[in-house]
Amino acid sequence: MGIISWIILGLPAGAAAGTLLPGRNPGGFIGTTLTGIAGAYAGGWISFRLLGRPVEKEFFALTTWGAAIGGSLVLLIGYRLLFGNSRD
């Protein structure tokens, strides 16, 4: 997958993670996209290193989307644990 595919995957993955974890999320549209891109990377890393299951490098593979959304959820939970749920 190229960089454009990661960006296109990042937006819906970050949005799905934000929907599954209600509350205020950092950064709006740009933050959601960046969270999704970083979450896709983190989800792939977690899947490979901790679960021993490499993620397919196909854009439409269900495991790719699951890892991206799961990684985004992990990043959002980590953000909220570090900085809280509100923007002061």
PDB file of N, CA and C in Angstrom:
ATOM      1  N   MET A   1       0.846  -1.179   0.000  1.00  0.00           N
ATOM      2  CA  MET A   1       0.000   0.000   0.000  1.00  0.00           C
ATOM      3  C   MET A   1       0.887   1.237   0.000  1.00  0.00           C
ATOM      4  N   GLY A   2       0.489   2.222  -0.761  1.00  0.00           N
ATOM      5  CA  GLY A   2       1.222   3.463  -0.823  1.00  0.00           C
ATOM      6  C   GLY A   2       0.723   4.471   0.198  1.00  0.00           C
ATOM      7  N   ILE A   3       1.354   5.631   0.208  1.00  0.00           N
ATOM      8  CA  ILE A   3       1.014   6.674   1.188  1.00  0.00           C
ATOM      9  C   ILE A   3      -0.422   7.165   0.998  1.00  0.00           C
ATOM     10  N   ILE A   4      -0.882   7.249  -0.233  1.00  0.00           N
ATOM     11  CA  ILE A   4      -2.259   7.693  -0.483  1.00  0.00           C
ATOM     12  C   ILE A   4      -3.245   6.680   0.106  1.00  0.00           C
ATOM     13  N   SER A   5      -2.940   5.396  -0.033  1.00  0.00           N
ATOM     14  CA  SER A   5      -3.809   4.362   0.538  1.00  0.00           C
ATOM     15  C   SER A   5      -3.857   4.463   2.053  1.00  0.00           C
ATOM     16  N   TRP A   6      -2.716   4.758   2.692  1.00  0.00           N
ATOM     17  CA  TRP A   6      -2.687   4.908   4.148  1.00  0.00           C
ATOM     18  C   TRP A   6      -3.532   6.093   4.586  1.00  0.00           C
ATOM     19  N   ILE A   7      -3.477   7.182   3.839  1.00  0.00           N
ATOM     20  CA  ILE A   7      -4.280   8.361   4.180  1.00  0.00           C
ATOM     21  C   ILE A   7      -5.766   8.070   3.989  1.00  0.00           C
ATOM     22  N   ILE A   8      -6.101   7.404   2.875  1.00  0.00           N
ATOM     23  CA  ILE A   8      -7.499   7.069   2.620  1.00  0.00           C
ATOM     24  C   ILE A   8      -8.008   6.081   3.664  1.00  0.00           C
ATOM     25  N   LEU A   9      -7.174   5.146   4.087  1.00  0.00           N
ATOM     26  CA  LEU A   9      -7.545   4.194   5.140  1.00  0.00           C
ATOM     27  C   LEU A   9      -7.635   4.887   6.495  1.00  0.00           C
ATOM     28  N   GLY A  10      -6.792   5.882   6.733  1.00  0.00           N
ATOM     29  CA  GLY A  10      -6.728   6.554   8.030  1.00  0.00           C
ATOM     30  C   GLY A  10      -7.981   7.301   8.408  1.00  0.00           C
ATOM     31  N   LEU A  11      -8.601   7.984   7.473  1.00  0.00           N
ATOM     32  CA  LEU A  11      -9.788   8.774   7.800  1.00  0.00           C
ATOM     33  C   LEU A  11     -10.946   7.909   8.284  1.00  0.00           C
ATOM     34  N   PRO A  12     -11.386   6.894   7.542  1.00  0.00           N
ATOM     35  CA  PRO A  12     -12.494   6.096   8.069  1.00  0.00           C
ATOM     36  C   PRO A  12     -12.114   5.262   9.295  1.00  0.00           C
ATOM     37  N   ALA A  13     -10.853   4.834   9.379  1.00  0.00           N
ATOM     38  CA  ALA A  13     -10.437   4.062  10.558  1.00  0.00           C
ATOM     39  C   ALA A  13     -10.465   4.945  11.797  1.00  0.00           C
ATOM     40  N   GLY A  14      -9.959   6.167  11.697  1.00  0.00           N
ATOM     41  CA  GLY A  14     -10.002   7.099  12.824  1.00  0.00           C
ATOM     42  C   GLY A  14     -11.423   7.493  13.179  1.00  0.00           C
ATOM     43  N   ALA A  15     -12.258   7.690  12.152  1.00  0.00           N
ATOM     44  CA  ALA A  15     -13.660   8.037  12.405  1.00  0.00           C
ATOM     45  C   ALA A  15     -14.398   6.881  13.072  1.00  0.00           C
ATOM     46  N   ALA A  16     -14.131   5.658  12.636  1.00  0.00           N
ATOM     47  CA  ALA A  16     -14.775   4.496  13.250  1.00  0.00           C
ATOM     48  C   ALA A  16     -14.347   4.350  14.703  1.00  0.00           C
ATOM     49  N   ALA A  17     -13.061   4.561  14.967  1.00  0.00           N
ATOM     50  CA  ALA A  17     -12.572   4.475  16.350  1.00  0.00           C
ATOM     51  C   ALA A  17     -13.206   5.566  17.203  1.00  0.00           C
ATOM     52  N   GLY A  18     -13.331   6.763  16.649  1.00  0.00           N
ATOM     53  CA  GLY A  18     -13.977   7.850  17.382  1.00  0.00           C
ATOM     54  C   GLY A  18     -15.446   7.579  17.653  1.00  0.00           C
ATOM     55  N   THR A  19     -16.108   6.880  16.740  1.00  0.00           N
ATOM     56  CA  THR A  19     -17.510   6.517  16.931  1.00  0.00           C
ATOM     57  C   THR A  19     -17.654   5.431  17.988  1.00  0.00           C
ATOM     58  N   LEU A  20     -16.743   4.467  17.972  1.00  0.00           N
ATOM     59  CA  LEU A  20     -16.791   3.385  18.952  1.00  0.00           C
ATOM     60  C   LEU A  20     -16.415   3.845  20.353  1.00  0.00           C
ATOM     61  N   LEU A  21     -15.640   4.921  20.437  1.00  0.00           N
ATOM     62  CA  LEU A  21     -15.210   5.464  21.718  1.00  0.00           C
ATOM     63  C   LEU A  21     -15.741   6.896  21.814  1.00  0.00           C
ATOM     64  N   PRO A  22     -16.990   7.056  22.264  1.00  0.00           N
ATOM     65  CA  PRO A  22     -17.604   8.384  22.248  1.00  0.00           C
ATOM     66  C   PRO A  22     -16.911   9.357  23.199  1.00  0.00           C
ATOM     67  N   GLY A  23     -17.095  10.625  22.911  1.00  0.00           N
ATOM     68  CA  GLY A  23     -16.487  11.690  23.692  1.00  0.00           C
ATOM     69  C   GLY A  23     -15.697  12.602  22.775  1.00  0.00           C
ATOM     70  N   ARG A  24     -15.023  13.556  23.351  1.00  0.00           N
ATOM     71  CA  ARG A  24     -14.249  14.497  22.545  1.00  0.00           C
ATOM     72  C   ARG A  24     -12.943  13.861  22.108  1.00  0.00           C
ATOM     73  N   ASN A  25     -12.644  13.984  20.837  1.00  0.00           N
ATOM     74  CA  ASN A  25     -11.421  13.447  20.277  1.00  0.00           C
ATOM     75  C   ASN A  25     -10.513  14.592  19.848  1.00  0.00           C
ATOM     76  N   PRO A  26      -9.213  14.387  19.896  1.00  0.00           N
ATOM     77  CA  PRO A  26      -8.279  15.461  19.602  1.00  0.00           C
ATOM     78  C   PRO A  26      -8.209  15.810  18.121  1.00  0.00           C
ATOM     79  N   GLY A  27      -8.149  17.077  17.813  1.00  0.00           N
ATOM     80  CA  GLY A  27      -7.736  17.532  16.503  1.00  0.00           C
ATOM     81  C   GLY A  27      -8.744  17.640  15.385  1.00  0.00           C
ATOM     82  N   GLY A  28      -9.977  17.284  15.558  1.00  0.00           N
ATOM     83  CA  GLY A  28     -10.951  17.398  14.477  1.00  0.00           C
ATOM     84  C   GLY A  28     -10.623  16.486  13.306  1.00  0.00           C
ATOM     85  N   PHE A  29     -10.856  16.973  12.091  1.00  0.00           N
ATOM     86  CA  PHE A  29     -10.679  16.194  10.869  1.00  0.00           C
ATOM     87  C   PHE A  29      -9.230  15.748  10.685  1.00  0.00           C
ATOM     88  N   ILE A  30      -8.297  16.678  10.826  1.00  0.00           N
ATOM     89  CA  ILE A  30      -6.868  16.360  10.650  1.00  0.00           C
ATOM     90  C   ILE A  30      -6.412  15.391  11.739  1.00  0.00           C
ATOM     91  N   GLY A  31      -6.807  15.636  12.973  1.00  0.00           N
ATOM     92  CA  GLY A  31      -6.427  14.759  14.077  1.00  0.00           C
ATOM     93  C   GLY A  31      -7.001  13.365  13.918  1.00  0.00           C
ATOM     94  N   THR A  32      -8.242  13.286  13.432  1.00  0.00           N
ATOM     95  CA  THR A  32      -8.866  11.992  13.198  1.00  0.00           C
ATOM     96  C   THR A  32      -8.114  11.220  12.125  1.00  0.00           C
ATOM     97  N   THR A  33      -7.738  11.911  11.045  1.00  0.00           N
ATOM     98  CA  THR A  33      -6.993  11.267   9.970  1.00  0.00           C
ATOM     99  C   THR A  33      -5.631  10.798  10.454  1.00  0.00           C
ATOM    100  N   LEU A  34      -4.924  11.651  11.187  1.00  0.00           N
ATOM    101  CA  LEU A  34      -3.604  11.271  11.691  1.00  0.00           C
ATOM    102  C   LEU A  34      -3.694  10.140  12.710  1.00  0.00           C
ATOM    103  N   THR A  35      -4.727  10.169  13.541  1.00  0.00           N
ATOM    104  CA  THR A  35      -4.940   9.072  14.490  1.00  0.00           C
ATOM    105  C   THR A  35      -5.202   7.771  13.738  1.00  0.00           C
ATOM    106  N   GLY A  36      -5.982   7.838  12.680  1.00  0.00           N
ATOM    107  CA  GLY A  36      -6.265   6.645  11.880  1.00  0.00           C
ATOM    108  C   GLY A  36      -5.028   6.103  11.185  1.00  0.00           C
ATOM    109  N   ILE A  37      -4.192   6.984  10.637  1.00  0.00           N
ATOM    110  CA  ILE A  37      -2.963   6.548   9.965  1.00  0.00           C
ATOM    111  C   ILE A  37      -2.013   5.921  10.973  1.00  0.00           C
ATOM    112  N   ALA A  38      -1.801   6.604  12.094  1.00  0.00           N
ATOM    113  CA  ALA A  38      -0.928   6.060  13.139  1.00  0.00           C
ATOM    114  C   ALA A  38      -1.541   4.789  13.729  1.00  0.00           C
ATOM    115  N   GLY A  39      -2.863   4.754  13.850  1.00  0.00           N
ATOM    116  CA  GLY A  39      -3.544   3.569  14.360  1.00  0.00           C
ATOM    117  C   GLY A  39      -3.404   2.378  13.430  1.00  0.00           C
ATOM    118  N   ALA A  40      -3.416   2.625  12.120  1.00  0.00           N
ATOM    119  CA  ALA A  40      -3.219   1.538  11.165  1.00  0.00           C
ATOM    120  C   ALA A  40      -1.827   0.938  11.335  1.00  0.00           C
ATOM    121  N   TYR A  41      -0.850   1.800  11.495  1.00  0.00           N
ATOM    122  CA  TYR A  41       0.516   1.313  11.722  1.00  0.00           C
ATOM    123  C   TYR A  41       0.613   0.576  13.055  1.00  0.00           C
ATOM    124  N   ALA A  42       0.079   1.182  14.108  1.00  0.00           N
ATOM    125  CA  ALA A  42       0.135   0.562  15.438  1.00  0.00           C
ATOM    126  C   ALA A  42      -0.633  -0.756  15.468  1.00  0.00           C
ATOM    127  N   GLY A  43      -1.786  -0.803  14.824  1.00  0.00           N
ATOM    128  CA  GLY A  43      -2.568  -2.030  14.781  1.00  0.00           C
ATOM    129  C   GLY A  43      -1.841  -3.147  14.043  1.00  0.00           C
ATOM    130  N   GLY A  44      -1.186  -2.811  12.946  1.00  0.00           N
ATOM    131  CA  GLY A  44      -0.395  -3.803  12.228  1.00  0.00           C
ATOM    132  C   GLY A  44       0.773  -4.304  13.056  1.00  0.00           C
ATOM    133  N   TRP A  45       1.415  -3.391  13.772  1.00  0.00           N
ATOM    134  CA  TRP A  45       2.545  -3.766  14.624  1.00  0.00           C
ATOM    135  C   TRP A  45       2.077  -4.665  15.765  1.00  0.00           C
ATOM    136  N   ILE A  46       0.981  -4.286  16.414  1.00  0.00           N
ATOM    137  CA  ILE A  46       0.441  -5.092  17.523  1.00  0.00           C
ATOM    138  C   ILE A  46       0.045  -6.475  17.019  1.00  0.00           C
ATOM    139  N   SER A  47      -0.610  -6.526  15.865  1.00  0.00           N
ATOM    140  CA  SER A  47      -1.041  -7.803  15.313  1.00  0.00           C
ATOM    141  C   SER A  47       0.151  -8.710  15.015  1.00  0.00           C
ATOM    142  N   PHE A  48       1.208  -8.147  14.462  1.00  0.00           N
ATOM    143  CA  PHE A  48       2.369  -8.953  14.095  1.00  0.00           C
ATOM    144  C   PHE A  48       3.208  -9.340  15.302  1.00  0.00           C
ATOM    145  N   ARG A  49       3.527  -8.367  16.150  1.00  0.00           N
ATOM    146  CA  ARG A  49       4.438  -8.614  17.273  1.00  0.00           C
ATOM    147  C   ARG A  49       3.794  -9.347  18.445  1.00  0.00           C
ATOM    148  N   LEU A  50       2.613  -8.933  18.835  1.00  0.00           N
ATOM    149  CA  LEU A  50       1.997  -9.504  20.032  1.00  0.00           C
ATOM    150  C   LEU A  50       1.109 -10.709  19.738  1.00  0.00           C
ATOM    151  N   LEU A  51       0.441 -10.701  18.594  1.00  0.00           N
ATOM    152  CA  LEU A  51      -0.469 -11.795  18.269  1.00  0.00           C
ATOM    153  C   LEU A  51       0.133 -12.812  17.303  1.00  0.00           C
ATOM    154  N   GLY A  52       1.262 -12.463  16.699  1.00  0.00           N
ATOM    155  CA  GLY A  52       1.910 -13.366  15.758  1.00  0.00           C
ATOM    156  C   GLY A  52       1.164 -13.551  14.449  1.00  0.00           C
ATOM    157  N   ARG A  53       0.315 -12.578  14.108  1.00  0.00           N
ATOM    158  CA  ARG A  53      -0.474 -12.667  12.882  1.00  0.00           C
ATOM    159  C   ARG A  53      -0.202 -11.447  12.018  1.00  0.00           C
ATOM    160  N   PRO A  54       0.594 -11.585  10.967  1.00  0.00           N
ATOM    161  CA  PRO A  54       0.845 -10.437  10.098  1.00  0.00           C
ATOM    162  C   PRO A  54      -0.428 -10.000   9.359  1.00  0.00           C
ATOM    163  N   VAL A  55      -0.550  -8.709   9.164  1.00  0.00           N
ATOM    164  CA  VAL A  55      -1.709  -8.141   8.479  1.00  0.00           C
ATOM    165  C   VAL A  55      -1.426  -8.141   6.980  1.00  0.00           C
ATOM    166  N   GLU A  56      -2.437  -8.498   6.207  1.00  0.00           N
ATOM    167  CA  GLU A  56      -2.297  -8.468   4.755  1.00  0.00           C
ATOM    168  C   GLU A  56      -2.092  -7.031   4.295  1.00  0.00           C
ATOM    169  N   LYS A  57      -1.362  -6.851   3.229  1.00  0.00           N
ATOM    170  CA  LYS A  57      -1.096  -5.507   2.724  1.00  0.00           C
ATOM    171  C   LYS A  57      -2.057  -5.134   1.598  1.00  0.00           C
ATOM    172  N   GLU A  58      -3.251  -5.646   1.675  1.00  0.00           N
ATOM    173  CA  GLU A  58      -4.295  -5.344   0.712  1.00  0.00           C
ATOM    174  C   GLU A  58      -5.245  -4.318   1.310  1.00  0.00           C
ATOM    175  N   PHE A  59      -5.616  -3.324   0.536  1.00  0.00           N
ATOM    176  CA  PHE A  59      -6.459  -2.242   1.036  1.00  0.00           C
ATOM    177  C   PHE A  59      -7.830  -2.734   1.472  1.00  0.00           C
ATOM    178  N   PHE A  60      -8.425  -3.655   0.742  1.00  0.00           N
ATOM    179  CA  PHE A  60      -9.785  -4.092   1.028  1.00  0.00           C
ATOM    180  C   PHE A  60      -9.861  -5.330   1.925  1.00  0.00           C
ATOM    181  N   ALA A  61      -8.732  -5.759   2.473  1.00  0.00           N
ATOM    182  CA  ALA A  61      -8.739  -6.924   3.357  1.00  0.00           C
ATOM    183  C   ALA A  61      -9.354  -6.555   4.707  1.00  0.00           C
ATOM    184  N   LEU A  62     -10.198  -7.422   5.221  1.00  0.00           N
ATOM    185  CA  LEU A  62     -10.864  -7.169   6.496  1.00  0.00           C
ATOM    186  C   LEU A  62      -9.857  -7.061   7.642  1.00  0.00           C
ATOM    187  N   THR A  63      -8.778  -7.838   7.589  1.00  0.00           N
ATOM    188  CA  THR A  63      -7.769  -7.765   8.651  1.00  0.00           C
ATOM    189  C   THR A  63      -7.051  -6.417   8.659  1.00  0.00           C
ATOM    190  N   THR A  64      -6.852  -5.823   7.492  1.00  0.00           N
ATOM    191  CA  THR A  64      -6.219  -4.505   7.421  1.00  0.00           C
ATOM    192  C   THR A  64      -7.095  -3.465   8.104  1.00  0.00           C
ATOM    193  N   TRP A  65      -8.393  -3.494   7.821  1.00  0.00           N
ATOM    194  CA  TRP A  65      -9.319  -2.540   8.419  1.00  0.00           C
ATOM    195  C   TRP A  65      -9.481  -2.781   9.912  1.00  0.00           C
ATOM    196  N   GLY A  66      -9.550  -4.051  10.303  1.00  0.00           N
ATOM    197  CA  GLY A  66      -9.664  -4.373  11.726  1.00  0.00           C
ATOM    198  C   GLY A  66      -8.449  -3.916  12.520  1.00  0.00           C
ATOM    199  N   ALA A  67      -7.271  -4.127  11.960  1.00  0.00           N
ATOM    200  CA  ALA A  67      -6.052  -3.688  12.628  1.00  0.00           C
ATOM    201  C   ALA A  67      -5.986  -2.163  12.700  1.00  0.00           C
ATOM    202  N   ALA A  68      -6.405  -1.485  11.638  1.00  0.00           N
ATOM    203  CA  ALA A  68      -6.376  -0.015  11.625  1.00  0.00           C
ATOM    204  C   ALA A  68      -7.344   0.565  12.655  1.00  0.00           C
ATOM    205  N   ILE A  69      -8.541   0.035  12.719  1.00  0.00           N
ATOM    206  CA  ILE A  69      -9.528   0.523  13.692  1.00  0.00           C
ATOM    207  C   ILE A  69      -9.101   0.162  15.107  1.00  0.00           C
ATOM    208  N   GLY A  70      -8.627  -1.058  15.302  1.00  0.00           N
ATOM    209  CA  GLY A  70      -8.147  -1.470  16.631  1.00  0.00           C
ATOM    210  C   GLY A  70      -6.970  -0.634  17.101  1.00  0.00           C
ATOM    211  N   GLY A  71      -6.032  -0.370  16.208  1.00  0.00           N
ATOM    212  CA  GLY A  71      -4.891   0.476  16.564  1.00  0.00           C
ATOM    213  C   GLY A  71      -5.312   1.895  16.887  1.00  0.00           C
ATOM    214  N   SER A  72      -6.283   2.421  16.144  1.00  0.00           N
ATOM    215  CA  SER A  72      -6.800   3.768  16.422  1.00  0.00           C
ATOM    216  C   SER A  72      -7.480   3.824  17.783  1.00  0.00           C
ATOM    217  N   LEU A  73      -8.214   2.770  18.126  1.00  0.00           N
ATOM    218  CA  LEU A  73      -8.827   2.701  19.456  1.00  0.00           C
ATOM    219  C   LEU A  73      -7.772   2.700  20.555  1.00  0.00           C
ATOM    220  N   VAL A  74      -6.704   1.941  20.360  1.00  0.00           N
ATOM    221  CA  VAL A  74      -5.622   1.904  21.342  1.00  0.00           C
ATOM    222  C   VAL A  74      -5.004   3.299  21.506  1.00  0.00           C
ATOM    223  N   LEU A  75      -4.787   4.003  20.400  1.00  0.00           N
ATOM    224  CA  LEU A  75      -4.213   5.347  20.484  1.00  0.00           C
ATOM    225  C   LEU A  75      -5.156   6.332  21.168  1.00  0.00           C
ATOM    226  N   LEU A  76      -6.455   6.267  20.851  1.00  0.00           N
ATOM    227  CA  LEU A  76      -7.417   7.160  21.495  1.00  0.00           C
ATOM    228  C   LEU A  76      -7.529   6.887  22.997  1.00  0.00           C
ATOM    229  N   ILE A  77      -7.545   5.631  23.369  1.00  0.00           N
ATOM    230  CA  ILE A  77      -7.596   5.291  24.799  1.00  0.00           C
ATOM    231  C   ILE A  77      -6.335   5.793  25.497  1.00  0.00           C
ATOM    232  N   GLY A  78      -5.183   5.596  24.881  1.00  0.00           N
ATOM    233  CA  GLY A  78      -3.932   6.093  25.456  1.00  0.00           C
ATOM    234  C   GLY A  78      -3.930   7.609  25.590  1.00  0.00           C
ATOM    235  N   TYR A  79      -4.443   8.307  24.571  1.00  0.00           N
ATOM    236  CA  TYR A  79      -4.526   9.765  24.626  1.00  0.00           C
ATOM    237  C   TYR A  79      -5.410  10.218  25.790  1.00  0.00           C
ATOM    238  N   ARG A  80      -6.548   9.573  25.937  1.00  0.00           N
ATOM    239  CA  ARG A  80      -7.472   9.967  27.009  1.00  0.00           C
ATOM    240  C   ARG A  80      -6.918   9.631  28.382  1.00  0.00           C
ATOM    241  N   LEU A  81      -6.159   8.558  28.500  1.00  0.00           N
ATOM    242  CA  LEU A  81      -5.538   8.251  29.788  1.00  0.00           C
ATOM    243  C   LEU A  81      -4.464   9.272  30.151  1.00  0.00           C
ATOM    244  N   LEU A  82      -3.740   9.748  29.158  1.00  0.00           N
ATOM    245  CA  LEU A  82      -2.681  10.734  29.410  1.00  0.00           C
ATOM    246  C   LEU A  82      -3.200  12.144  29.609  1.00  0.00           C
ATOM    247  N   PHE A  83      -4.161  12.547  28.778  1.00  0.00           N
ATOM    248  CA  PHE A  83      -4.573  13.954  28.758  1.00  0.00           C
ATOM    249  C   PHE A  83      -6.003  14.197  29.203  1.00  0.00           C
ATOM    250  N   GLY A  84      -6.742  13.180  29.512  1.00  0.00           N
ATOM    251  CA  GLY A  84      -8.134  13.369  29.924  1.00  0.00           C
ATOM    252  C   GLY A  84      -9.066  13.407  28.740  1.00  0.00           C
ATOM    253  N   ASN A  85     -10.343  13.544  29.021  1.00  0.00           N
ATOM    254  CA  ASN A  85     -11.376  13.481  27.996  1.00  0.00           C
ATOM    255  C   ASN A  85     -11.831  14.852  27.515  1.00  0.00           C
ATOM    256  N   SER A  86     -11.321  15.919  28.082  1.00  0.00           N
ATOM    257  CA  SER A  86     -11.817  17.236  27.684  1.00  0.00           C
ATOM    258  C   SER A  86     -10.700  18.098  27.135  1.00  0.00           C
ATOM    259  N   ARG A  87     -11.100  19.101  26.402  1.00  0.00           N
ATOM    260  CA  ARG A  87     -10.167  20.106  25.871  1.00  0.00           C
ATOM    261  C   ARG A  87     -10.357  21.389  26.657  1.00  0.00           C
ATOM    262  N   ASP A  88      -9.436  21.695  27.538  1.00  0.00           N
ATOM    263  CA  ASP A  88      -9.570  22.912  28.353  1.00  0.00           C
ATOM    264  C   ASP A  88      -8.887  24.081  27.704  1.00  0.00           C
TER     265      ASP A  88
END
